Protein backbone atom coordinates (compact mmCIF):
# COMPACT_ATOMS: atom_id res chain seq x y z
CA MET A 1 2.09 -6.91 4.24
CA LYS A 2 3.34 -3.16 4.50
CA LYS A 3 4.70 -2.03 7.63
CA VAL A 4 4.37 1.13 9.38
CA LEU A 5 3.82 1.86 13.02
CA LEU A 6 1.74 4.51 14.00
CA PHE A 7 3.02 6.33 17.05
CA ILE A 8 0.58 9.02 18.05
CA MET A 9 1.89 11.77 20.15
CA ALA A 10 0.00 12.56 23.63
CA PHE A 11 -1.62 9.34 22.86
CA SER A 12 -7.32 7.76 -8.08
CA VAL A 13 -10.36 6.82 -6.24
CA LEU A 14 -13.99 5.34 -6.58
CA LEU A 15 -17.18 7.73 -5.53
CA PHE A 16 -19.25 6.35 -2.82
CA THR A 17 -22.94 7.27 -1.54
CA GLY A 18 -22.61 9.67 1.08
CA CYS A 19 -23.64 9.07 4.90
CA SER A 20 -27.45 9.75 5.46
CA GLU A 21 -27.21 13.41 6.22
CA ASN A 22 -25.14 16.47 5.45
CA TYR A 23 -22.92 17.59 7.98
CA GLY A 24 -22.01 21.08 7.63
CA GLU A 25 -20.51 23.58 9.85
CA ASN A 26 -22.71 25.54 12.03
CA THR A 27 -21.03 28.22 13.97
CA SER A 28 -24.32 29.12 16.11
CA GLU A 29 -23.88 25.87 17.80
CA THR A 30 -20.32 25.88 18.89
CA THR A 31 -20.44 24.12 22.43
CA SER A 32 -22.56 21.17 20.26
CA GLN A 33 -20.17 21.11 17.33
CA GLN A 34 -17.01 21.01 19.52
CA SER A 35 -18.31 18.04 21.36
CA GLU A 36 -19.12 16.43 18.07
CA GLU A 37 -15.69 17.03 16.70
CA LEU A 38 -14.23 15.07 20.06
CA SER A 39 -16.88 12.11 19.31
CA ASP A 40 -15.15 9.05 17.88
CA ALA A 41 -15.26 5.91 16.84
CA THR A 42 -12.60 2.73 16.25
CA ARG A 43 -12.96 -0.84 14.48
CA ASP A 44 -10.08 -3.66 14.84
CA PHE A 45 -11.18 -6.08 12.09
CA PHE A 46 -9.40 -8.90 10.22
CA ALA A 47 -9.62 -8.71 6.23
CA MET A 48 -7.27 -9.16 3.11
CA ASP A 49 -5.32 -11.52 5.52
CA THR A 50 -3.80 -8.86 8.16
CA TYR A 51 -5.22 -6.82 11.24
CA MET A 52 -6.84 -3.63 10.34
CA ASN A 53 -8.23 -0.69 12.40
CA LEU A 54 -9.98 2.29 11.51
CA THR A 55 -10.35 5.65 13.70
CA ALA A 56 -12.74 8.43 12.72
CA TYR A 57 -13.25 11.72 14.63
CA GLY A 58 -16.86 13.60 14.31
CA LYS A 59 -20.17 14.01 14.42
CA ASN A 60 -20.80 10.58 11.99
CA ALA A 61 -18.09 8.79 13.19
CA ASP A 62 -19.85 5.27 13.62
CA GLU A 63 -21.51 5.37 10.23
CA ALA A 64 -17.87 6.35 8.52
CA VAL A 65 -16.14 3.35 10.15
CA ASP A 66 -19.38 1.30 9.53
CA GLN A 67 -19.21 2.12 5.77
CA ALA A 68 -15.86 1.65 5.64
CA GLN A 69 -15.48 -1.93 7.15
CA LYS A 70 -18.27 -2.90 4.75
CA ARG A 71 -16.63 -1.44 1.97
CA VAL A 72 -13.18 -3.41 2.82
CA GLU A 73 -14.99 -6.31 3.15
CA GLU A 74 -16.57 -5.96 -0.36
CA LEU A 75 -13.06 -5.32 -2.00
CA ASP A 76 -11.60 -8.37 -0.27
CA LYS A 77 -14.23 -10.70 -1.84
CA LEU A 78 -13.30 -9.35 -5.22
CA LEU A 79 -9.62 -9.43 -5.16
CA SER A 80 -8.65 -12.45 -2.85
CA THR A 81 -6.67 -14.89 -4.37
CA GLY A 82 -7.62 -17.28 -1.43
CA GLU A 83 -11.43 -17.12 -2.12
CA LYS A 84 -12.03 -19.36 -5.23
CA ASN A 85 -14.86 -17.48 -6.41
CA SER A 86 -13.34 -13.95 -6.29
CA GLU A 87 -13.06 -12.02 -9.54
CA VAL A 88 -9.42 -12.50 -9.16
CA SER A 89 -9.42 -15.92 -8.45
CA LEU A 90 -11.85 -16.54 -11.91
CA LEU A 91 -9.69 -14.34 -13.88
CA ASN A 92 -6.62 -16.58 -13.11
CA LYS A 93 -8.58 -19.75 -14.00
CA ASN A 94 -10.10 -18.84 -16.74
CA ARG A 95 -7.87 -16.28 -18.11
CA LYS A 96 -10.63 -14.27 -19.23
CA ALA A 97 -13.52 -12.00 -17.53
CA LYS A 98 -15.63 -9.28 -17.28
CA LEU A 99 -14.88 -7.39 -14.14
CA SER A 100 -16.50 -5.05 -12.06
CA GLU A 101 -15.48 -1.62 -12.20
CA GLU A 102 -13.22 -1.78 -8.79
CA THR A 103 -11.47 -4.78 -10.35
CA PHE A 104 -11.03 -3.49 -13.60
CA SER A 105 -9.60 -0.29 -12.27
CA LEU A 106 -6.81 -2.06 -10.31
CA THR A 107 -6.05 -3.82 -13.55
CA GLU A 108 -5.62 -0.45 -15.34
CA GLN A 109 -3.68 1.02 -12.61
CA SER A 110 -1.48 -1.94 -12.11
CA LEU A 111 -0.57 -1.73 -15.79
CA TYR A 112 0.21 2.12 -15.71
CA PHE A 113 2.84 0.97 -12.61
CA TYR A 114 4.10 -1.88 -14.53
CA LYS A 115 5.07 1.01 -17.38
CA LEU A 116 6.01 4.15 -15.10
CA THR A 117 8.68 1.47 -13.50
CA ASP A 118 9.83 -0.17 -16.14
CA LYS A 119 8.37 -3.36 -15.22
CA ALA A 120 9.71 -2.98 -11.29
CA PHE A 121 5.83 -3.19 -10.53
CA ASP A 122 4.34 -6.27 -12.36
CA PRO A 123 1.15 -7.82 -11.60
CA ALA A 124 1.55 -10.77 -13.56
CA ILE A 125 4.05 -12.14 -10.23
CA TYR A 126 1.45 -14.30 -8.62
CA PRO A 127 3.19 -17.58 -10.17
CA ILE A 128 6.82 -17.12 -8.79
CA MET A 129 4.99 -16.02 -5.63
CA LYS A 130 3.50 -19.57 -5.49
CA LEU A 131 6.40 -21.17 -6.79
CA TRP A 132 8.46 -19.74 -3.15
CA GLY A 133 5.27 -20.50 -1.08
CA PHE A 134 4.34 -17.24 0.14
CA THR A 135 0.72 -17.33 -1.30
CA ASP A 136 0.15 -20.51 1.18
CA HIS A 137 2.89 -20.09 4.02
CA ASN A 138 4.42 -23.25 2.52
CA TYR A 139 8.13 -21.72 2.05
CA LYS A 140 10.70 -23.21 0.02
CA VAL A 141 13.67 -22.25 -1.94
CA PRO A 142 12.83 -23.45 -5.54
CA ASP A 143 15.44 -25.07 -7.72
CA THR A 144 16.94 -22.90 -10.68
CA ASN A 145 15.28 -24.57 -13.35
CA SER A 146 11.96 -24.21 -11.52
CA ILE A 147 12.55 -20.23 -11.49
CA LYS A 148 13.62 -20.17 -15.12
CA SER A 149 10.41 -21.98 -16.18
CA THR A 150 7.99 -19.99 -14.08
CA LEU A 151 9.94 -16.39 -15.30
CA LYS A 152 8.15 -16.91 -18.98
CA TYR A 153 4.65 -16.27 -16.74
CA ILE A 154 6.06 -13.03 -15.15
CA ASP A 155 4.98 -10.66 -18.12
CA ALA A 156 2.14 -7.95 -17.57
CA SER A 157 2.73 -6.72 -21.06
CA LYS A 158 0.77 -9.93 -22.01
CA ILE A 159 -2.32 -8.76 -19.94
CA SER A 160 -5.03 -7.20 -22.22
CA ILE A 161 -7.59 -4.71 -21.22
CA ASP A 162 -10.98 -3.87 -23.24
CA LYS A 163 -12.44 -0.49 -21.45
CA LYS A 164 -15.77 -0.82 -23.36
CA THR A 165 -16.31 -4.31 -21.94
CA SER A 166 -14.31 -4.25 -18.76
CA THR A 167 -12.95 -7.70 -20.29
CA VAL A 168 -9.52 -8.37 -18.99
CA ILE A 169 -7.56 -11.43 -21.11
CA LEU A 170 -4.27 -12.99 -19.99
CA ASP A 171 -2.76 -14.06 -23.01
CA GLY A 172 -0.58 -17.04 -21.83
CA GLU A 173 -1.24 -20.39 -20.48
CA GLY A 174 -0.11 -20.07 -16.90
CA MET A 175 -0.13 -16.54 -16.18
CA GLU A 176 -1.97 -15.83 -12.93
CA VAL A 177 -2.40 -11.95 -11.33
CA ASP A 178 -2.51 -10.83 -7.93
CA PHE A 179 -3.28 -7.17 -6.99
CA GLY A 180 -1.87 -7.58 -3.71
CA GLY A 181 0.79 -4.84 -4.24
CA ILE A 182 -1.66 -2.09 -4.50
CA ALA A 183 -4.87 -3.29 -3.23
CA LYS A 184 -4.24 -2.14 0.43
CA GLY A 185 -3.48 1.54 -0.82
CA TYR A 186 -6.32 1.51 -3.26
CA THR A 187 -8.28 0.39 -0.01
CA SER A 188 -7.06 2.95 1.92
CA SER A 189 -7.82 5.62 -0.54
CA GLN A 190 -11.41 4.59 -1.05
CA ILE A 191 -12.13 4.57 3.01
CA ILE A 192 -10.36 8.13 3.16
CA GLU A 193 -13.06 9.20 0.21
CA ILE A 194 -15.86 7.63 2.85
CA PHE A 195 -14.58 9.08 5.57
CA LYS A 196 -15.11 12.59 3.75
CA SER A 197 -18.18 11.77 2.39
CA CYS A 198 -19.28 11.42 6.26
CA GLY A 199 -18.48 14.72 6.95
CA ILE A 200 -14.86 13.39 8.92
CA LYS A 201 -12.38 15.77 8.93
CA SER A 202 -9.65 13.72 11.16
CA GLY A 203 -9.03 10.26 11.03
CA LYS A 204 -6.65 7.58 10.50
CA VAL A 205 -6.67 4.36 9.12
CA ASN A 206 -4.25 1.39 9.33
CA LEU A 207 -4.61 -1.81 7.25
CA GLY A 208 -1.92 -3.76 8.22
CA GLY A 209 0.67 -1.30 8.82
CA ASN A 210 -0.46 0.62 5.56
CA VAL A 211 -1.65 4.23 7.42
CA HIS A 212 -3.44 6.97 5.47
CA LEU A 213 -4.23 10.14 7.47
CA LEU A 214 -7.11 12.36 7.10
CA GLY A 215 -6.44 15.59 8.04
CA LYS A 216 -4.71 16.45 11.04
CA LYS A 217 -5.03 15.52 14.76
CA GLN A 218 -8.04 16.91 16.49
CA ASP A 219 -5.99 19.23 18.35
CA GLY A 220 -4.86 20.62 14.90
CA SER A 221 -1.22 19.20 14.98
CA ASP A 222 0.41 16.83 12.62
CA TRP A 223 0.19 13.15 13.43
CA SER A 224 3.41 11.76 14.55
CA ILE A 225 4.38 8.13 12.71
CA GLY A 226 6.95 6.10 13.57
CA ILE A 227 8.71 4.43 10.61
CA GLN A 228 10.12 1.11 11.72
CA ASN A 229 14.03 -0.11 12.33
CA PRO A 230 13.81 -3.06 10.23
CA ASN A 231 16.57 -4.47 12.73
CA SER A 232 14.77 -3.96 15.83
CA THR A 233 10.94 -4.43 16.53
CA ASP A 234 11.54 -1.68 19.32
CA ASP A 235 13.06 1.01 17.28
CA PHE A 236 12.00 3.41 15.05
CA LEU A 237 14.17 4.76 11.83
CA GLY A 238 12.96 8.24 12.57
CA ILE A 239 9.51 10.02 13.41
CA LEU A 240 7.21 11.97 10.64
CA LYS A 241 5.06 14.38 11.13
CA ALA A 242 2.37 14.11 8.59
CA SER A 243 -1.09 14.99 8.03
CA ASP A 244 -3.84 14.21 4.43
CA THR A 245 -1.52 11.60 3.40
CA ALA A 246 -0.63 7.99 3.02
CA VAL A 247 2.44 6.53 4.67
CA ILE A 248 3.57 3.24 3.38
CA THR A 249 6.45 1.02 3.99
CA SER A 250 7.64 -2.08 2.01
CA GLY A 251 10.82 -4.22 3.46
CA GLY A 252 12.16 -7.71 3.36
CA TYR A 253 11.89 -7.87 6.93
CA GLU A 254 8.15 -8.12 6.79
CA ARG A 255 7.59 -11.80 5.77
CA ASN A 256 10.66 -13.95 5.17
CA PHE A 257 11.82 -17.40 5.98
CA GLU A 258 14.91 -18.82 6.66
CA GLU A 259 16.69 -21.70 4.92
CA ASN A 260 20.15 -23.56 5.30
CA GLY A 261 20.91 -20.13 7.23
CA THR A 262 20.18 -17.72 4.53
CA VAL A 263 17.30 -15.53 5.03
CA TYR A 264 14.32 -14.78 1.91
CA HIS A 265 11.86 -12.43 2.10
CA HIS A 266 8.60 -12.23 -0.12
CA ILE A 267 9.32 -8.95 -2.37
CA ILE A 268 10.46 -10.93 -5.54
CA ASP A 269 12.52 -8.92 -8.19
CA PRO A 270 10.19 -9.75 -11.54
CA SER A 271 13.19 -9.79 -13.72
CA THR A 272 15.32 -12.05 -11.54
CA GLY A 273 12.21 -14.75 -9.78
CA TYR A 274 14.58 -14.30 -6.71
CA PRO A 275 14.12 -11.87 -3.71
CA ALA A 276 15.56 -8.13 -4.29
CA ASN A 277 18.44 -7.62 -3.24
CA ASN A 278 19.86 -4.62 -4.47
CA GLY A 279 21.13 -2.28 -1.52
CA LEU A 280 17.95 -1.57 0.53
CA THR A 281 16.26 -2.88 3.73
CA SER A 282 13.25 -0.70 3.73
CA VAL A 283 11.43 1.92 1.63
CA THR A 284 8.43 4.31 2.62
CA ILE A 285 6.65 6.27 0.19
CA ILE A 286 4.53 9.57 1.35
CA SER A 287 1.79 10.35 -0.88
CA GLN A 288 -1.76 11.53 -1.15
CA ASN A 289 -2.73 8.91 -3.39
CA GLY A 290 -2.49 5.72 -1.42
CA THR A 291 -2.43 3.47 -4.47
CA LEU A 292 0.51 4.94 -5.87
CA ALA A 293 1.90 4.93 -2.46
CA ASP A 294 1.41 1.21 -1.90
CA ALA A 295 2.89 0.58 -5.70
CA LEU A 296 5.89 2.43 -5.49
CA SER A 297 6.92 1.19 -2.21
CA THR A 298 7.59 -2.34 -3.68
CA SER A 299 8.64 -1.02 -6.93
CA LEU A 300 11.49 0.85 -5.54
CA PHE A 301 12.80 -1.72 -2.96
CA VAL A 302 13.11 -3.88 -6.28
CA MET A 303 15.21 -1.09 -7.82
CA GLY A 304 17.62 -0.58 -5.34
CA THR A 305 19.41 2.34 -3.94
CA GLU A 306 20.60 4.36 -6.89
CA LYS A 307 17.75 3.83 -8.98
CA ALA A 308 15.16 4.43 -6.47
CA GLN A 309 16.88 7.65 -6.07
CA ASP A 310 16.90 8.22 -9.89
CA PHE A 311 13.20 7.79 -9.90
CA TRP A 312 12.53 9.77 -7.27
CA LYS A 313 14.23 12.65 -8.93
CA ASN A 314 12.83 12.48 -12.44
CA SER A 315 9.53 11.31 -11.27
CA LYS A 316 6.45 13.75 -12.37
CA GLU A 317 4.06 12.05 -9.39
CA ASP A 318 3.92 13.73 -6.21
CA PHE A 319 5.50 11.64 -3.74
CA GLU A 320 8.07 11.80 -1.26
CA ILE A 321 10.55 8.84 -0.11
CA ILE A 322 12.42 7.45 3.19
CA LEU A 323 14.97 4.81 1.90
CA TYR A 324 17.14 2.64 4.23
CA THR A 325 19.98 1.21 2.88
CA ASP A 326 21.76 -2.36 4.11
CA ASP A 327 24.61 -0.03 5.47
CA ASP A 328 22.23 1.47 7.67
CA LYS A 329 22.07 4.70 5.93
CA VAL A 330 18.54 7.00 5.61
CA ILE A 331 17.97 9.10 2.74
CA ILE A 332 15.02 11.36 2.47
CA SER A 333 13.71 13.71 -0.12
CA LYS A 334 13.75 17.51 0.31
CA GLY A 335 10.07 17.74 0.56
CA ILE A 336 9.77 15.74 3.86
CA ALA A 337 13.49 17.06 5.50
CA ASP A 338 12.16 19.75 7.65
CA LYS A 339 9.17 16.90 9.15
CA PHE A 340 11.43 13.87 9.87
CA THR A 341 13.72 13.50 12.81
CA THR A 342 15.90 10.30 12.98
CA SER A 343 19.38 9.49 15.04
CA PHE A 344 20.66 7.52 12.05
CA ASP A 345 23.10 8.94 9.04
CA LEU A 346 20.82 11.11 7.22
CA THR A 347 21.20 12.02 3.16
CA VAL A 348 18.67 14.53 1.85
CA ILE A 349 18.22 14.51 -1.64
CA ASP A 350 16.63 17.11 -4.36
CA LYS A 351 14.67 16.67 -7.81
CA VAL A 352 16.67 17.00 -10.64
CA ASN A 353 16.66 20.81 -12.22
């Protein structure tokens, strides 16, 4: 689970069928319009193995959250590795499947991020996750030989796709995929599109800590997002002012277990088969593209402190970063320097000229 605490002060995406009416502005009904803008709908539910909260503000808020919840549940049925009849489970079982538009799109995007991050993001990570017990919560530290023998299956380059038929083939016995590294970011982006189609101009989505914001708050100000301090559940690394963007954090503190005095977390380095240990405690990605933010939060954590900074400095993708290091330093990208406040030792980095 990605974790960002949504802290409210004062208290590429598929298109969907829009809401039943077209809600444009009507300046001749100012009082009525203001009342509609203040109305809201909130929905809490459990899906994708986490608790979710959706809030929409505006005339069609109820219908917006209804459609959004339905969409989340549809995607959960397609993508869940814990559901034996999901498309992902059937693909893993048969190693070949003709997929829906959604699942095929996630496969394509996963392979894009695999190449973009030089294999730090690997959708074929599932066998090693199972080995450590992170898929069923039966945690254990595998022996060296087991890790070595399982690593041969962790290779997204052996995933073949046929765009004409939307068919995916896993070219290796023992290979299994899991889109958990991008599924929630992908889903939050789709929810935002649903909100927009319903005429919603202000809303927030929290999918197990993956936060995605639509527009600004009702009073016209930015949302205030508290970035969790991995070392304290009662403290923040800092507060980020944000609007119209996703804010997604990955950290080893989120899901882990202890054995013989050592803590092992769930963010596995695909190159070693062991939990990533490269100098970072958490990585936050800020981007309008929720799928990208989800994928890169994990990938940069795997890369480690230096490579993560270099990746951002040289990347052509549109995103900002907040890195929290093992020695309690915060590193942020220049684009959010005036929107982030913290009491920690802070370093601001800029793009390569």
